[in-house]
């Protein structure tokens, strides 16, 4: 018999939340032995990118193309129009991007770096300077290959893992104005604004800051190009953290974010919930026409850009799902769950908790290791050895070398990224990750650094190999 209303205990002021989906298909995974993992990471040259996925228990290397698609997306793939030219799936994708992101023109690409390549080749001339709110690996590489140089104009709080600034991705407006005054607006083809900022810990940019950047650049006739890969997550943080935004829909905030720019590069493999695909969206007709011409050389025809029709259909449907407030609340909620658990265990992470990942502070883990001993790379290897968890280094290895001097770029942050794929893992998996990170942290005094024994010419973090000191 149910207790009467008078005898029931008072409820907590909040209720537990759950993911707004249920599991329909499962993929078995297995835990390897410690000896197997030690052998695997050594054979991979202590580079988690070189591990075989079958040797990984919980794969947090990236959220790029690793999310689970919905039943509607899978059904949509059966409607793929694989015509070489004029696929109806492209026109569905184009209309969806125009509706939710607001740009006039769309050029599809195989993924985000295809769009980065196009915009860099079109807008950058040798000797140009591209300011941005912290570098990203592939973005800067394309800018440099086109003859440009990247200049960081992110606020100083972005380089401090302990800072609780709610919008650590903000552009430093004083620094941007000073750069314009120093070199002249004609040498700045565009300002590159990432929403959110990956290398700072998935940190967002405020709407107030985006509006100010738009106004400053408009006065000088400079374009603003977004890296909109995780713009939906950025919109959610604006909704939750910025004054006056709480009652707005994430979809509406996303449109305003994009309205503060002239175009964007996009990897649909993140927010848009697909395994492959991206786009360049732009408002300038001349840039669009040049991109439509170049895409044929580097990607594919301007109505498929390296994607199959079925992939474009899945991405169009994924965009709609991505801006649903319940979806994004659960997506960020799982990241916050892991982050809060690690904070409670005393494990040093970048704060505040960002959008797509938790970033372990490798400098705080291993103060005994110099940056030349690659502490973040070493930490990623120890995590794998402990519990089969694959994470990614985001420190000196990812930063690469100065194209002029050949010296290492030396970022202030030495981080290991625990990237959470969307709709893939349960809270129980997050518990295992937290316990493993805590165990590695407890053993931090015994950690040894690494030396690099093979270094590729470009984007070395993908294929470099190391030996343990």
Foldseek 3Di string as FASTA:
>chain_A
DDDDPVPDDDDDPDDDDDAPDDDDDDDDADWDDLVVLVVQCVVQQLFLLSGDVNNFRAEQAAQFLPFDFDPVLVVLLVVFDQDQPDTPLLVLLQVLCCVQQVFDDKFKAFFQLLLLLLVLLLQAAAPAEEEEQDDAASNQVSNVVRRYHYDHQFDPVLLPLPDAPQARSFGNPVVVVVVCVVPNPVRYQAYEYEAQDVLSQQGGYELVRLQVVLVVCVVRVHFYEYACAPNLQNLVSNCVPPPPNVPPFSSVSSNSSSVSGFWYGYGLSHLLRHNTITITGGHDPVSNVSSQVVLCVPAGHRSARPHTRSRSSSSSVSNVVSRHPSQQCVQQVLQVLLVVLLVVLVFAWGPDNHRFWIKGQQCVLAVVDDVQLQSLSQLQSQLCSQTSYHWAWSFQLQQAADPVPRHTDHRSTTIIIRGDHGPHDDSVVSVVSSVSSSVSSVVSVPGFGWHWDDADPGSRSSRTRIDTD
